[in-house]
C-alpha cells in the first residue's frame, strides 16, 4: 500500500517561492524533500505561485484604482478621434488602390475565393 505525505500550506508556499526565485529546481526539490510525483509541485505552483496570485487579484478587480468620469470621457474622446483618423486613412488607401488599378490596369485587390 502506498503512503501519502501531507504538507502544510506554509511549506508549500515556501517551496513554491524557492522554485519561482530559482533557488531550487523542481526535480531537486522532489529529491531533497522526498516529494513523490512531479505533479505535486506543479499543482502547488498553480495554486500558490506568483501568477496564480496575480490571476486571483485580477478576478477580484481591486488591483487598479477606479478612473474618474472626466478621465473616462477624455479617453473616450481620444479613442473616437483615433477611430476617425483610421477610418479616413482606410478610405484614402482604398482610393489610392482604385486609382492604381485604373491607371496601371492591374488587379491589386485579392479576388474573393482566391487560393492562398
PDB file of N, CA and C in Angstrom:
ATOM      1  N   UNK A   1       0.838  -1.181   0.000  1.00  0.00           N
ATOM      2  CA  UNK A   1       0.000   0.000   0.000  1.00  0.00           C
ATOM      3  C   UNK A   1       0.881   1.242   0.000  1.00  0.00           C
ATOM      4  N   UNK A   2       0.485   2.223  -0.748  1.00  0.00           N
ATOM      5  CA  UNK A   2       1.270   3.446  -0.900  1.00  0.00           C
ATOM      6  C   UNK A   2       0.943   4.426   0.220  1.00  0.00           C
ATOM      7  N   UNK A   3       1.954   5.096   0.722  1.00  0.00           N
ATOM      8  CA  UNK A   3       1.728   6.097   1.770  1.00  0.00           C
ATOM      9  C   UNK A   3       1.796   7.483   1.141  1.00  0.00           C
ATOM     10  N   UNK A   4       0.985   8.367   1.666  1.00  0.00           N
ATOM     11  CA  UNK A   4       0.944   9.732   1.159  1.00  0.00           C
ATOM     12  C   UNK A   4       1.364  10.693   2.255  1.00  0.00           C
ATOM     13  N   UNK A   5       2.202  11.621   1.895  1.00  0.00           N
ATOM     14  CA  UNK A   5       2.644  12.636   2.838  1.00  0.00           C
ATOM     15  C   UNK A   5       1.739  13.850   2.730  1.00  0.00           C
ATOM     16  N   UNK A   6       1.465  14.457   3.858  1.00  0.00           N
ATOM     17  CA  UNK A   6       0.706  15.703   3.884  1.00  0.00           C
ATOM     18  C   UNK A   6       1.688  16.819   4.167  1.00  0.00           C
ATOM     19  N   UNK A   7       1.609  17.874   3.374  1.00  0.00           N
ATOM     20  CA  UNK A   7       2.488  19.019   3.557  1.00  0.00           C
ATOM     21  C   UNK A   7       1.633  20.223   3.926  1.00  0.00           C
ATOM     22  N   UNK A   8       2.136  21.024   4.828  1.00  0.00           N
ATOM     23  CA  UNK A   8       1.387  22.206   5.259  1.00  0.00           C
ATOM     24  C   UNK A   8       1.382  23.265   4.165  1.00  0.00           C
ATOM     25  N   UNK A   9       0.391  24.141   4.228  1.00  0.00           N
ATOM     26  CA  UNK A   9       0.324  25.238   3.269  1.00  0.00           C
ATOM     27  C   UNK A   9       1.562  26.120   3.375  1.00  0.00           C
ATOM     28  N   UNK A  10       2.044  26.310   4.577  1.00  0.00           N
ATOM     29  CA  UNK A  10       3.233  27.138   4.795  1.00  0.00           C
ATOM     30  C   UNK A  10       4.436  26.537   4.066  1.00  0.00           C
ATOM     31  N   UNK A  11       4.613  25.209   4.167  1.00  0.00           N
ATOM     32  CA  UNK A  11       5.707  24.525   3.496  1.00  0.00           C
ATOM     33  C   UNK A  11       5.562  24.646   1.978  1.00  0.00           C
ATOM     34  N   UNK A  12       4.329  24.442   1.470  1.00  0.00           N
ATOM     35  CA  UNK A  12       4.086  24.506   0.025  1.00  0.00           C
ATOM     36  C   UNK A  12       4.400  25.895  -0.508  1.00  0.00           C
ATOM     37  N   UNK A  13       3.932  26.925   0.196  1.00  0.00           N
ATOM     38  CA  UNK A  13       4.189  28.303  -0.234  1.00  0.00           C
ATOM     39  C   UNK A  13       5.687  28.608  -0.232  1.00  0.00           C
ATOM     40  N   UNK A  14       6.366  28.136   0.801  1.00  0.00           N
ATOM     41  CA  UNK A  14       7.796  28.363   0.916  1.00  0.00           C
ATOM     42  C   UNK A  14       8.548  27.685  -0.240  1.00  0.00           C
ATOM     43  N   UNK A  15       8.171  26.458  -0.542  1.00  0.00           N
ATOM     44  CA  UNK A  15       8.822  25.717  -1.616  1.00  0.00           C
ATOM     45  C   UNK A  15       8.548  26.366  -2.972  1.00  0.00           C
ATOM     46  N   UNK A  16       7.305  26.780  -3.190  1.00  0.00           N
ATOM     47  CA  UNK A  16       6.951  27.445  -4.450  1.00  0.00           C
ATOM     48  C   UNK A  16       7.758  28.726  -4.609  1.00  0.00           C
ATOM     49  N   UNK A  17       7.919  29.468  -3.513  1.00  0.00           N
ATOM     50  CA  UNK A  17       8.700  30.705  -3.563  1.00  0.00           C
ATOM     51  C   UNK A  17      10.148  30.413  -3.955  1.00  0.00           C
ATOM     52  N   UNK A  18      10.721  29.355  -3.382  1.00  0.00           N
ATOM     53  CA  UNK A  18      12.099  28.987  -3.714  1.00  0.00           C
ATOM     54  C   UNK A  18      12.234  28.583  -5.175  1.00  0.00           C
ATOM     55  N   UNK A  19      11.257  27.835  -5.672  1.00  0.00           N
ATOM     56  CA  UNK A  19      11.290  27.391  -7.068  1.00  0.00           C
ATOM     57  C   UNK A  19      11.148  28.591  -8.003  1.00  0.00           C
ATOM     58  N   UNK A  20      10.206  29.488  -7.702  1.00  0.00           N
ATOM     59  CA  UNK A  20       9.992  30.657  -8.557  1.00  0.00           C
ATOM     60  C   UNK A  20      11.186  31.615  -8.526  1.00  0.00           C
ATOM     61  N   UNK A  21      11.872  31.678  -7.403  1.00  0.00           N
ATOM     62  CA  UNK A  21      13.043  32.543  -7.301  1.00  0.00           C
ATOM     63  C   UNK A  21      14.277  31.910  -7.939  1.00  0.00           C
ATOM     64  N   UNK A  22      14.182  30.629  -8.294  1.00  0.00           N
ATOM     65  CA  UNK A  22      15.301  29.955  -8.936  1.00  0.00           C
ATOM     66  C   UNK A  22      16.329  29.431  -7.966  1.00  0.00           C
ATOM     67  N   UNK A  23      15.992  29.413  -6.687  1.00  0.00           N
ATOM     68  CA  UNK A  23      16.937  28.915  -5.685  1.00  0.00           C
ATOM     69  C   UNK A  23      17.045  27.399  -5.728  1.00  0.00           C
ATOM     70  N   UNK A  24      15.986  26.747  -6.197  1.00  0.00           N
ATOM     71  CA  UNK A  24      15.965  25.294  -6.262  1.00  0.00           C
ATOM     72  C   UNK A  24      15.099  24.891  -7.454  1.00  0.00           C
ATOM     73  N   UNK A  25      15.462  23.813  -8.096  1.00  0.00           N
ATOM     74  CA  UNK A  25      14.680  23.313  -9.220  1.00  0.00           C
ATOM     75  C   UNK A  25      13.584  22.384  -8.732  1.00  0.00           C
ATOM     76  N   UNK A  26      12.619  22.096  -9.586  1.00  0.00           N
ATOM     77  CA  UNK A  26      11.512  21.216  -9.203  1.00  0.00           C
ATOM     78  C   UNK A  26      12.023  19.822  -8.876  1.00  0.00           C
ATOM     79  N   UNK A  27      12.851  19.284  -9.763  1.00  0.00           N
ATOM     80  CA  UNK A  27      13.371  17.930  -9.555  1.00  0.00           C
ATOM     81  C   UNK A  27      14.230  17.865  -8.293  1.00  0.00           C
ATOM     82  N   UNK A  28      15.028  18.895  -8.109  1.00  0.00           N
ATOM     83  CA  UNK A  28      15.886  18.980  -6.920  1.00  0.00           C
ATOM     84  C   UNK A  28      15.041  19.006  -5.648  1.00  0.00           C
ATOM     85  N   UNK A  29      13.937  19.765  -5.683  1.00  0.00           N
ATOM     86  CA  UNK A  29      13.051  19.854  -4.525  1.00  0.00           C
ATOM     87  C   UNK A  29      12.395  18.508  -4.239  1.00  0.00           C
ATOM     88  N   UNK A  30      11.997  17.808  -5.291  1.00  0.00           N
ATOM     89  CA  UNK A  30      11.397  16.485  -5.114  1.00  0.00           C
ATOM     90  C   UNK A  30      12.351  15.545  -4.387  1.00  0.00           C
ATOM     91  N   UNK A  31      13.611  15.551  -4.825  1.00  0.00           N
ATOM     92  CA  UNK A  31      14.594  14.666  -4.211  1.00  0.00           C
ATOM     93  C   UNK A  31      14.942  15.099  -2.793  1.00  0.00           C
ATOM     94  N   UNK A  32      15.124  16.396  -2.591  1.00  0.00           N
ATOM     95  CA  UNK A  32      15.553  16.914  -1.294  1.00  0.00           C
ATOM     96  C   UNK A  32      14.497  16.693  -0.208  1.00  0.00           C
ATOM     97  N   UNK A  33      13.219  16.926  -0.556  1.00  0.00           N
ATOM     98  CA  UNK A  33      12.155  16.849   0.449  1.00  0.00           C
ATOM     99  C   UNK A  33      11.346  15.563   0.368  1.00  0.00           C
ATOM    100  N   UNK A  34      11.727  14.654  -0.531  1.00  0.00           N
ATOM    101  CA  UNK A  34      11.045  13.364  -0.628  1.00  0.00           C
ATOM    102  C   UNK A  34       9.632  13.482  -1.159  1.00  0.00           C
ATOM    103  N   UNK A  35       9.408  14.394  -2.062  1.00  0.00           N
ATOM    104  CA  UNK A  35       8.085  14.592  -2.633  1.00  0.00           C
ATOM    105  C   UNK A  35       7.929  13.606  -3.780  1.00  0.00           C
ATOM    106  N   UNK A  36       6.876  12.803  -3.713  1.00  0.00           N
ATOM    107  CA  UNK A  36       6.655  11.786  -4.728  1.00  0.00           C
ATOM    108  C   UNK A  36       5.734  12.347  -5.798  1.00  0.00           C
ATOM    109  N   UNK A  37       6.138  12.200  -7.031  1.00  0.00           N
ATOM    110  CA  UNK A  37       5.310  12.645  -8.147  1.00  0.00           C
ATOM    111  C   UNK A  37       5.613  14.081  -8.535  1.00  0.00           C
ATOM    112  N   UNK A  38       5.915  14.270  -9.806  1.00  0.00           N
ATOM    113  CA  UNK A  38       6.267  15.608 -10.286  1.00  0.00           C
ATOM    114  C   UNK A  38       5.055  16.525 -10.358  1.00  0.00           C
ATOM    115  N   UNK A  39       3.865  15.959 -10.369  1.00  0.00           N
ATOM    116  CA  UNK A  39       2.654  16.779 -10.487  1.00  0.00           C
ATOM    117  C   UNK A  39       2.373  17.561  -9.204  1.00  0.00           C
ATOM    118  N   UNK A  40       2.886  17.097  -8.093  1.00  0.00           N
ATOM    119  CA  UNK A  40       2.628  17.777  -6.814  1.00  0.00           C
ATOM    120  C   UNK A  40       3.140  19.213  -6.837  1.00  0.00           C
ATOM    121  N   UNK A  41       4.390  19.371  -7.178  1.00  0.00           N
ATOM    122  CA  UNK A  41       4.988  20.712  -7.175  1.00  0.00           C
ATOM    123  C   UNK A  41       4.330  21.587  -8.239  1.00  0.00           C
ATOM    124  N   UNK A  42       4.033  21.015  -9.401  1.00  0.00           N
ATOM    125  CA  UNK A  42       3.353  21.789 -10.435  1.00  0.00           C
ATOM    126  C   UNK A  42       1.987  22.274  -9.947  1.00  0.00           C
ATOM    127  N   UNK A  43       1.272  21.424  -9.259  1.00  0.00           N
ATOM    128  CA  UNK A  43      -0.025  21.808  -8.704  1.00  0.00           C
ATOM    129  C   UNK A  43       0.111  22.905  -7.657  1.00  0.00           C
ATOM    130  N   UNK A  44       1.133  22.801  -6.830  1.00  0.00           N
ATOM    131  CA  UNK A  44       1.356  23.833  -5.814  1.00  0.00           C
ATOM    132  C   UNK A  44       1.686  25.168  -6.473  1.00  0.00           C
ATOM    133  N   UNK A  45       2.465  25.121  -7.554  1.00  0.00           N
ATOM    134  CA  UNK A  45       2.818  26.355  -8.258  1.00  0.00           C
ATOM    135  C   UNK A  45       1.563  26.999  -8.834  1.00  0.00           C
ATOM    136  N   UNK A  46       0.675  26.188  -9.390  1.00  0.00           N
ATOM    137  CA  UNK A  46      -0.573  26.734  -9.922  1.00  0.00           C
ATOM    138  C   UNK A  46      -1.428  27.339  -8.812  1.00  0.00           C
ATOM    139  N   UNK A  47      -1.403  26.708  -7.654  1.00  0.00           N
ATOM    140  CA  UNK A  47      -2.250  27.176  -6.558  1.00  0.00           C
ATOM    141  C   UNK A  47      -1.645  28.341  -5.791  1.00  0.00           C
ATOM    142  N   UNK A  48      -0.357  28.286  -5.519  1.00  0.00           N
ATOM    143  CA  UNK A  48       0.283  29.271  -4.647  1.00  0.00           C
ATOM    144  C   UNK A  48       1.267  30.197  -5.353  1.00  0.00           C
ATOM    145  N   UNK A  49       1.519  29.973  -6.629  1.00  0.00           N
ATOM    146  CA  UNK A  49       2.555  30.708  -7.334  1.00  0.00           C
ATOM    147  C   UNK A  49       2.207  32.158  -7.594  1.00  0.00           C
ATOM    148  N   UNK A  50       3.207  32.890  -8.059  1.00  0.00           N
ATOM    149  CA  UNK A  50       3.082  34.317  -8.332  1.00  0.00           C
ATOM    150  C   UNK A  50       1.993  34.587  -9.359  1.00  0.00           C
ATOM    151  N   UNK A  51       1.992  33.833 -10.460  1.00  0.00           N
ATOM    152  CA  UNK A  51       0.985  34.054 -11.499  1.00  0.00           C
ATOM    153  C   UNK A  51      -0.409  33.753 -10.985  1.00  0.00           C
ATOM    154  N   UNK A  52      -0.527  32.744 -10.138  1.00  0.00           N
ATOM    155  CA  UNK A  52      -1.829  32.408  -9.562  1.00  0.00           C
ATOM    156  C   UNK A  52      -2.354  33.560  -8.704  1.00  0.00           C
ATOM    157  N   UNK A  53      -1.475  34.178  -7.932  1.00  0.00           N
ATOM    158  CA  UNK A  53      -1.881  35.296  -7.083  1.00  0.00           C
ATOM    159  C   UNK A  53      -2.306  36.479  -7.926  1.00  0.00           C
ATOM    160  N   UNK A  54      -1.595  36.744  -9.037  1.00  0.00           N
ATOM    161  CA  UNK A  54      -1.964  37.851  -9.926  1.00  0.00           C
ATOM    162  C   UNK A  54      -3.320  37.589 -10.554  1.00  0.00           C
ATOM    163  N   UNK A  55      -3.581  36.330 -10.931  1.00  0.00           N
ATOM    164  CA  UNK A  55      -4.859  35.990 -11.544  1.00  0.00           C
ATOM    165  C   UNK A  55      -5.986  36.185 -10.549  1.00  0.00           C
ATOM    166  N   UNK A  56      -5.756  35.789  -9.293  1.00  0.00           N
ATOM    167  CA  UNK A  56      -6.792  35.948  -8.273  1.00  0.00           C
ATOM    168  C   UNK A  56      -7.089  37.420  -8.031  1.00  0.00           C
ATOM    169  N   UNK A  57      -6.055  38.269  -8.006  1.00  0.00           N
ATOM    170  CA  UNK A  57      -6.266  39.700  -7.812  1.00  0.00           C
ATOM    171  C   UNK A  57      -7.026  40.292  -8.982  1.00  0.00           C
ATOM    172  N   UNK A  58      -6.709  39.820 -10.180  1.00  0.00           N
ATOM    173  CA  UNK A  58      -7.382  40.348 -11.372  1.00  0.00           C
ATOM    174  C   UNK A  58      -8.855  39.969 -11.368  1.00  0.00           C
ATOM    175  N   UNK A  59      -9.197  38.784 -10.863  1.00  0.00           N
ATOM    176  CA  UNK A  59     -10.586  38.365 -10.811  1.00  0.00           C
ATOM    177  C   UNK A  59     -11.388  39.199  -9.819  1.00  0.00           C
ATOM    178  N   UNK A  60     -10.753  39.604  -8.721  1.00  0.00           N
ATOM    179  CA  UNK A  60     -11.473  40.410  -7.743  1.00  0.00           C
ATOM    180  C   UNK A  60     -11.638  41.828  -8.232  1.00  0.00           C
ATOM    181  N   UNK A  61     -10.740  42.282  -9.100  1.00  0.00           N
ATOM    182  CA  UNK A  61     -10.853  43.603  -9.703  1.00  0.00           C
ATOM    183  C   UNK A  61     -10.402  44.738  -8.807  1.00  0.00           C
ATOM    184  N   UNK A  62      -9.749  44.459  -7.713  1.00  0.00           N
ATOM    185  CA  UNK A  62      -9.340  45.503  -6.783  1.00  0.00           C
ATOM    186  C   UNK A  62      -7.902  45.971  -6.985  1.00  0.00           C
ATOM    187  N   UNK A  63      -7.318  45.650  -8.111  1.00  0.00           N
ATOM    188  CA  UNK A  63      -5.908  45.978  -8.295  1.00  0.00           C
ATOM    189  C   UNK A  63      -5.694  47.372  -8.861  1.00  0.00           C
ATOM    190  N   UNK A  64      -6.654  47.911  -9.627  1.00  0.00           N
ATOM    191  CA  UNK A  64      -6.474  49.218 -10.236  1.00  0.00           C
ATOM    192  C   UNK A  64      -7.409  50.226  -9.583  1.00  0.00           C
ATOM    193  N   UNK A  65      -6.942  51.458  -9.427  1.00  0.00           N
ATOM    194  CA  UNK A  65      -7.838  52.477  -8.901  1.00  0.00           C
ATOM    195  C   UNK A  65      -8.908  52.812  -9.939  1.00  0.00           C
ATOM    196  N   UNK A  66     -10.071  53.172  -9.462  1.00  0.00           N
ATOM    197  CA  UNK A  66     -11.184  53.494 -10.340  1.00  0.00           C
ATOM    198  C   UNK A  66     -10.910  54.831 -11.016  1.00  0.00           C
ATOM    199  N   UNK A  67     -11.113  54.887 -12.343  1.00  0.00           N
ATOM    200  CA  UNK A  67     -10.900  56.123 -13.083  1.00  0.00           C
ATOM    201  C   UNK A  67     -12.091  57.039 -12.868  1.00  0.00           C
ATOM    202  N   UNK A  68     -11.810  58.329 -12.839  1.00  0.00           N
ATOM    203  CA  UNK A  68     -12.892  59.295 -12.668  1.00  0.00           C
ATOM    204  C   UNK A  68     -13.664  59.425 -13.973  1.00  0.00           C
ATOM    205  N   UNK A  69     -14.835  59.994 -13.888  1.00  0.00           N
ATOM    206  CA  UNK A  69     -15.677  60.180 -15.056  1.00  0.00           C
ATOM    207  C   UNK A  69     -14.995  61.072 -16.090  1.00  0.00           C
ATOM    208  N   UNK A  70     -14.303  62.100 -15.626  1.00  0.00           N
ATOM    209  CA  UNK A  70     -13.611  63.002 -16.549  1.00  0.00           C
ATOM    210  C   UNK A  70     -12.507  62.270 -17.309  1.00  0.00           C
ATOM    211  N   UNK A  71     -11.762  61.399 -16.615  1.00  0.00           N
ATOM    212  CA  UNK A  71     -10.707  60.625 -17.269  1.00  0.00           C
ATOM    213  C   UNK A  71     -11.299  59.691 -18.317  1.00  0.00           C
ATOM    214  N   UNK A  72     -12.415  59.061 -17.973  1.00  0.00           N
ATOM    215  CA  UNK A  72     -13.059  58.152 -18.913  1.00  0.00           C
ATOM    216  C   UNK A  72     -13.590  58.903 -20.134  1.00  0.00           C
ATOM    217  N   UNK A  73     -14.158  60.078 -19.915  1.00  0.00           N
ATOM    218  CA  UNK A  73     -14.656  60.875 -21.031  1.00  0.00           C
ATOM    219  C   UNK A  73     -13.507  61.339 -21.933  1.00  0.00           C
ATOM    220  N   UNK A  74     -12.395  61.730 -21.330  1.00  0.00           N
ATOM    221  CA  UNK A  74     -11.229  62.161 -22.103  1.00  0.00           C
ATOM    222  C   UNK A  74     -10.679  60.997 -22.927  1.00  0.00           C
ATOM    223  N   UNK A  75     -10.607  59.810 -22.314  1.00  0.00           N
ATOM    224  CA  UNK A  75     -10.129  58.632 -23.028  1.00  0.00           C
ATOM    225  C   UNK A  75     -11.079  58.276 -24.171  1.00  0.00           C
ATOM    226  N   UNK A  76     -12.376  58.366 -23.903  1.00  0.00           N
ATOM    227  CA  UNK A  76     -13.382  58.086 -24.923  1.00  0.00           C
ATOM    228  C   UNK A  76     -13.227  59.052 -26.102  1.00  0.00           C
ATOM    229  N   UNK A  77     -13.034  60.315 -25.806  1.00  0.00           N
ATOM    230  CA  UNK A  77     -12.860  61.336 -26.842  1.00  0.00           C
ATOM    231  C   UNK A  77     -11.612  61.039 -27.690  1.00  0.00           C
ATOM    232  N   UNK A  78     -10.512  60.683 -27.010  1.00  0.00           N
ATOM    233  CA  UNK A  78      -9.265  60.368 -27.707  1.00  0.00           C
ATOM    234  C   UNK A  78      -9.435  59.148 -28.603  1.00  0.00           C
ATOM    235  N   UNK A  79     -10.116  58.124 -28.097  1.00  0.00           N
ATOM    236  CA  UNK A  79     -10.316  56.910 -28.879  1.00  0.00           C
ATOM    237  C   UNK A  79     -11.211  57.160 -30.087  1.00  0.00           C
ATOM    238  N   UNK A  80     -12.233  57.992 -29.923  1.00  0.00           N
ATOM    239  CA  UNK A  80     -13.104  58.327 -31.056  1.00  0.00           C
ATOM    240  C   UNK A  80     -12.327  59.090 -32.130  1.00  0.00           C
ATOM    241  N   UNK A  81     -11.461  59.992 -31.679  1.00  0.00           N
ATOM    242  CA  UNK A  81     -10.634  60.768 -32.611  1.00  0.00           C
ATOM    243  C   UNK A  81      -9.695  59.836 -33.377  1.00  0.00           C
ATOM    244  N   UNK A  82      -9.073  58.887 -32.656  1.00  0.00           N
ATOM    245  CA  UNK A  82      -8.189  57.910 -33.300  1.00  0.00           C
ATOM    246  C   UNK A  82      -8.959  57.054 -34.311  1.00  0.00           C
ATOM    247  N   UNK A  83     -10.180  56.663 -33.938  1.00  0.00           N
ATOM    248  CA  UNK A  83     -11.006  55.864 -34.840  1.00  0.00           C
ATOM    249  C   UNK A  83     -11.337  56.644 -36.108  1.00  0.00           C
ATOM    250  N   UNK A  84     -11.703  57.913 -35.956  1.00  0.00           N
ATOM    251  CA  UNK A  84     -12.000  58.751 -37.123  1.00  0.00           C
ATOM    252  C   UNK A  84     -10.783  58.854 -38.050  1.00  0.00           C
ATOM    253  N   UNK A  85      -9.602  59.021 -37.466  1.00  0.00           N
ATOM    254  CA  UNK A  85      -8.377  59.124 -38.272  1.00  0.00           C
ATOM    255  C   UNK A  85      -8.105  57.815 -39.026  1.00  0.00           C
ATOM    256  N   UNK A  86      -8.303  56.690 -38.377  1.00  0.00           N
ATOM    257  CA  UNK A  86      -8.066  55.397 -39.023  1.00  0.00           C
ATOM    258  C   UNK A  86      -9.079  55.137 -40.127  1.00  0.00           C
ATOM    259  N   UNK A  87     -10.336  55.560 -39.916  1.00  0.00           N
ATOM    260  CA  UNK A  87     -11.336  55.399 -40.968  1.00  0.00           C
ATOM    261  C   UNK A  87     -10.987  56.258 -42.175  1.00  0.00           C
ATOM    262  N   UNK A  88     -10.531  57.468 -41.924  1.00  0.00           N
ATOM    263  CA  UNK A  88     -10.117  58.359 -43.005  1.00  0.00           C
ATOM    264  C   UNK A  88      -8.919  57.771 -43.754  1.00  0.00           C
ATOM    265  N   UNK A  89      -7.972  57.228 -43.020  1.00  0.00           N
ATOM    266  CA  UNK A  89      -6.788  56.596 -43.620  1.00  0.00           C
ATOM    267  C   UNK A  89      -7.202  55.412 -44.479  1.00  0.00           C
ATOM    268  N   UNK A  90      -8.140  54.610 -43.985  1.00  0.00           N
ATOM    269  CA  UNK A  90      -8.625  53.445 -44.720  1.00  0.00           C
ATOM    270  C   UNK A  90      -9.275  53.871 -46.036  1.00  0.00           C
ATOM    271  N   UNK A  91     -10.105  54.924 -45.976  1.00  0.00           N
ATOM    272  CA  UNK A  91     -10.735  55.426 -47.199  1.00  0.00           C
ATOM    273  C   UNK A  91      -9.686  55.911 -48.192  1.00  0.00           C
ATOM    274  N   UNK A  92      -8.679  56.632 -47.702  1.00  0.00           N
ATOM    275  CA  UNK A  92      -7.621  57.143 -48.572  1.00  0.00           C
ATOM    276  C   UNK A  92      -6.864  55.997 -49.242  1.00  0.00           C
ATOM    277  N   UNK A  93      -6.559  54.960 -48.504  1.00  0.00           N
ATOM    278  CA  UNK A  93      -5.853  53.809 -49.071  1.00  0.00           C
ATOM    279  C   UNK A  93      -6.705  53.123 -50.135  1.00  0.00           C
ATOM    280  N   UNK A  94      -8.005  52.987 -49.889  1.00  0.00           N
ATOM    281  CA  UNK A  94      -8.883  52.365 -50.876  1.00  0.00           C
ATOM    282  C   UNK A  94      -8.941  53.189 -52.162  1.00  0.00           C
ATOM    283  N   UNK A  95      -8.995  54.516 -52.028  1.00  0.00           N
ATOM    284  CA  UNK A  95      -8.993  55.385 -53.211  1.00  0.00           C
ATOM    285  C   UNK A  95      -7.682  55.237 -53.973  1.00  0.00           C
ATOM    286  N   UNK A  96      -6.567  55.176 -53.252  1.00  0.00           N
ATOM    287  CA  UNK A  96      -5.261  55.008 -53.907  1.00  0.00           C
ATOM    288  C   UNK A  96      -5.207  53.690 -54.679  1.00  0.00           C
ATOM    289  N   UNK A  97      -5.750  52.637 -54.103  1.00  0.00           N
ATOM    290  CA  UNK A  97      -5.759  51.338 -54.779  1.00  0.00           C
ATOM    291  C   UNK A  97      -6.625  51.414 -56.034  1.00  0.00           C
ATOM    292  N   UNK A  98      -7.807  52.048 -55.920  1.00  0.00           N
ATOM    293  CA  UNK A  98      -8.693  52.188 -57.088  1.00  0.00           C
ATOM    294  C   UNK A  98      -7.987  52.938 -58.220  1.00  0.00           C
ATOM    295  N   UNK A  99      -7.328  54.035 -57.889  1.00  0.00           N
ATOM    296  CA  UNK A  99      -6.618  54.828 -58.897  1.00  0.00           C
ATOM    297  C   UNK A  99      -5.498  54.008 -59.535  1.00  0.00           C
ATOM    298  N   UNK A 100      -4.732  53.285 -58.716  1.00  0.00           N
ATOM    299  CA  UNK A 100      -3.626  52.479 -59.233  1.00  0.00           C
ATOM    300  C   UNK A 100      -4.137  51.373 -60.145  1.00  0.00           C
ATOM    301  N   UNK A 101      -5.281  50.741 -59.776  1.00  0.00           N
ATOM    302  CA  UNK A 101      -5.833  49.684 -60.628  1.00  0.00           C
ATOM    303  C   UNK A 101      -6.268  50.237 -61.984  1.00  0.00           C
ATOM    304  N   UNK A 102      -6.889  51.430 -61.983  1.00  0.00           N
ATOM    305  CA  UNK A 102      -7.337  52.028 -63.246  1.00  0.00           C
ATOM    306  C   UNK A 102      -6.156  52.505 -64.090  1.00  0.00           C
ATOM    307  N   UNK A 103      -5.203  53.153 -63.432  1.00  0.00           N
ATOM    308  CA  UNK A 103      -4.086  53.752 -64.161  1.00  0.00           C
ATOM    309  C   UNK A 103      -3.146  52.703 -64.753  1.00  0.00           C
ATOM    310  N   UNK A 104      -2.827  51.684 -63.964  1.00  0.00           N
ATOM    311  CA  UNK A 104      -1.871  50.682 -64.425  1.00  0.00           C
ATOM    312  C   UNK A 104      -2.542  49.440 -65.009  1.00  0.00           C
ATOM    313  N   UNK A 105      -3.867  49.374 -64.913  1.00  0.00           N
ATOM    314  CA  UNK A 105      -4.655  48.261 -65.462  1.00  0.00           C
ATOM    315  C   UNK A 105      -4.167  46.900 -64.942  1.00  0.00           C
ATOM    316  N   UNK A 106      -3.949  46.858 -63.625  1.00  0.00           N
ATOM    317  CA  UNK A 106      -3.579  45.595 -62.983  1.00  0.00           C
ATOM    318  C   UNK A 106      -4.455  45.407 -61.749  1.00  0.00           C
ATOM    319  N   UNK A 107      -4.847  44.160 -61.482  1.00  0.00           N
ATOM    320  CA  UNK A 107      -5.644  43.911 -60.271  1.00  0.00           C
ATOM    321  C   UNK A 107      -4.745  43.893 -59.028  1.00  0.00           C
ATOM    322  N   UNK A 108      -5.075  44.699 -58.072  1.00  0.00           N
ATOM    323  CA  UNK A 108      -4.277  44.759 -56.843  1.00  0.00           C
ATOM    324  C   UNK A 108      -4.985  44.002 -55.718  1.00  0.00           C
ATOM    325  N   UNK A 109      -6.289  44.194 -55.616  1.00  0.00           N
ATOM    326  CA  UNK A 109      -7.060  43.527 -54.556  1.00  0.00           C
ATOM    327  C   UNK A 109      -7.192  42.036 -54.869  1.00  0.00           C
ATOM    328  N   UNK A 110      -7.265  41.248 -53.813  1.00  0.00           N
ATOM    329  CA  UNK A 110      -7.482  39.809 -53.971  1.00  0.00           C
ATOM    330  C   UNK A 110      -8.910  39.579 -54.423  1.00  0.00           C
ATOM    331  N   UNK A 111      -9.086  38.601 -55.256  1.00  0.00           N
ATOM    332  CA  UNK A 111     -10.415  38.212 -55.670  1.00  0.00           C
ATOM    333  C   UNK A 111     -11.019  37.334 -54.583  1.00  0.00           C
ATOM    334  N   UNK A 112     -12.331  37.461 -54.367  1.00  0.00           N
ATOM    335  CA  UNK A 112     -12.949  36.590 -53.343  1.00  0.00           C
ATOM    336  C   UNK A 112     -12.819  35.126 -53.737  1.00  0.00           C
ATOM    337  N   UNK A 113     -12.486  34.300 -52.770  1.00  0.00           N
ATOM    338  CA  UNK A 113     -12.342  32.873 -53.025  1.00  0.00           C
ATOM    339  C   UNK A 113     -11.007  32.481 -53.624  1.00  0.00           C
ATOM    340  N   UNK A 114     -10.057  33.396 -53.680  1.00  0.00           N
ATOM    341  CA  UNK A 114      -8.749  33.071 -54.254  1.00  0.00           C
ATOM    342  C   UNK A 114      -7.988  32.136 -53.326  1.00  0.00           C
ATOM    343  N   UNK A 115      -7.227  31.236 -53.952  1.00  0.00           N
ATOM    344  CA  UNK A 115      -6.424  30.295 -53.147  1.00  0.00           C
ATOM    345  C   UNK A 115      -5.240  31.034 -52.541  1.00  0.00           C
ATOM    346  N   UNK A 116      -4.916  30.646 -51.323  1.00  0.00           N
ATOM    347  CA  UNK A 116      -3.786  31.294 -50.650  1.00  0.00           C
ATOM    348  C   UNK A 116      -2.574  30.413 -50.701  1.00  0.00           C
TER     349      UNK A 116
END
